[in-house]
């Protein structure tokens, strides 16, 4: 299975990750930062599915 990642999609994901890193300044554990990014992505997907 292969996926095609379009530039606007990857730019949007990069922007969200950078914003999460800025707002979570002082996170001591890298693992917690990764969890926070994944949770944020899940909430975005849920919102998009509910809007349909």
Protein backbone atom coordinates (compact mmCIF):
# COMPACT_ATOMS: atom_id res chain seq x y z
CA UNK A 1 0.00 0.00 0.00
CA UNK A 2 1.44 3.35 -0.96
CA UNK A 3 0.31 6.86 -0.19
CA UNK A 4 0.81 10.08 -2.08
CA UNK A 5 1.47 13.01 0.25
CA UNK A 6 0.67 16.29 -1.40
CA UNK A 7 2.76 19.35 -0.48
CA UNK A 8 -0.15 21.32 1.07
CA UNK A 9 -0.96 18.39 3.37
CA UNK A 10 2.62 17.97 4.54
CA UNK A 11 3.00 21.72 5.04
CA UNK A 12 -0.15 21.75 7.17
CA UNK A 13 1.10 18.89 9.32
CA UNK A 14 4.49 20.56 9.76
CA UNK A 15 2.80 23.83 10.77
CA UNK A 16 0.66 22.08 13.38
CA UNK A 17 3.66 20.23 14.83
CA UNK A 18 5.66 23.47 15.08
CA UNK A 19 2.72 25.18 16.80
CA UNK A 20 2.39 22.32 19.30
CA UNK A 21 6.11 22.55 20.04
CA UNK A 22 5.82 26.31 20.63
CA UNK A 23 2.81 25.98 22.95
CA UNK A 24 4.32 23.07 24.86
CA UNK A 25 7.53 24.92 25.65
CA UNK A 26 9.28 23.27 28.56
CA UNK A 27 8.15 19.70 27.92
CA UNK A 28 10.91 17.65 29.49
CA UNK A 29 10.14 14.31 27.92
CA UNK A 30 10.25 13.77 24.14
CA UNK A 31 7.82 10.86 24.48
CA UNK A 32 5.19 13.17 26.01
CA UNK A 33 5.63 15.59 23.11
CA UNK A 34 5.04 12.80 20.58
CA UNK A 35 1.91 11.72 22.46
CA UNK A 36 0.62 15.29 22.44
CA UNK A 37 1.16 15.57 18.66
CA UNK A 38 -0.68 12.28 18.07
CA UNK A 39 -3.59 13.34 20.28
CA UNK A 40 -3.88 16.63 18.42
CA UNK A 41 -3.98 14.82 15.08
CA UNK A 42 -6.70 12.47 16.37
CA UNK A 43 -8.90 15.36 17.49
CA UNK A 44 -8.54 17.05 14.10
CA UNK A 45 -9.59 13.85 12.31
CA UNK A 46 -12.62 13.45 14.60
CA UNK A 47 -13.74 17.03 13.93
CA UNK A 48 -13.49 16.51 10.17
CA UNK A 49 -15.50 13.28 10.37
CA UNK A 50 -18.21 14.94 12.47
CA UNK A 51 -18.55 17.81 10.01
CA UNK A 52 -19.53 15.43 7.17
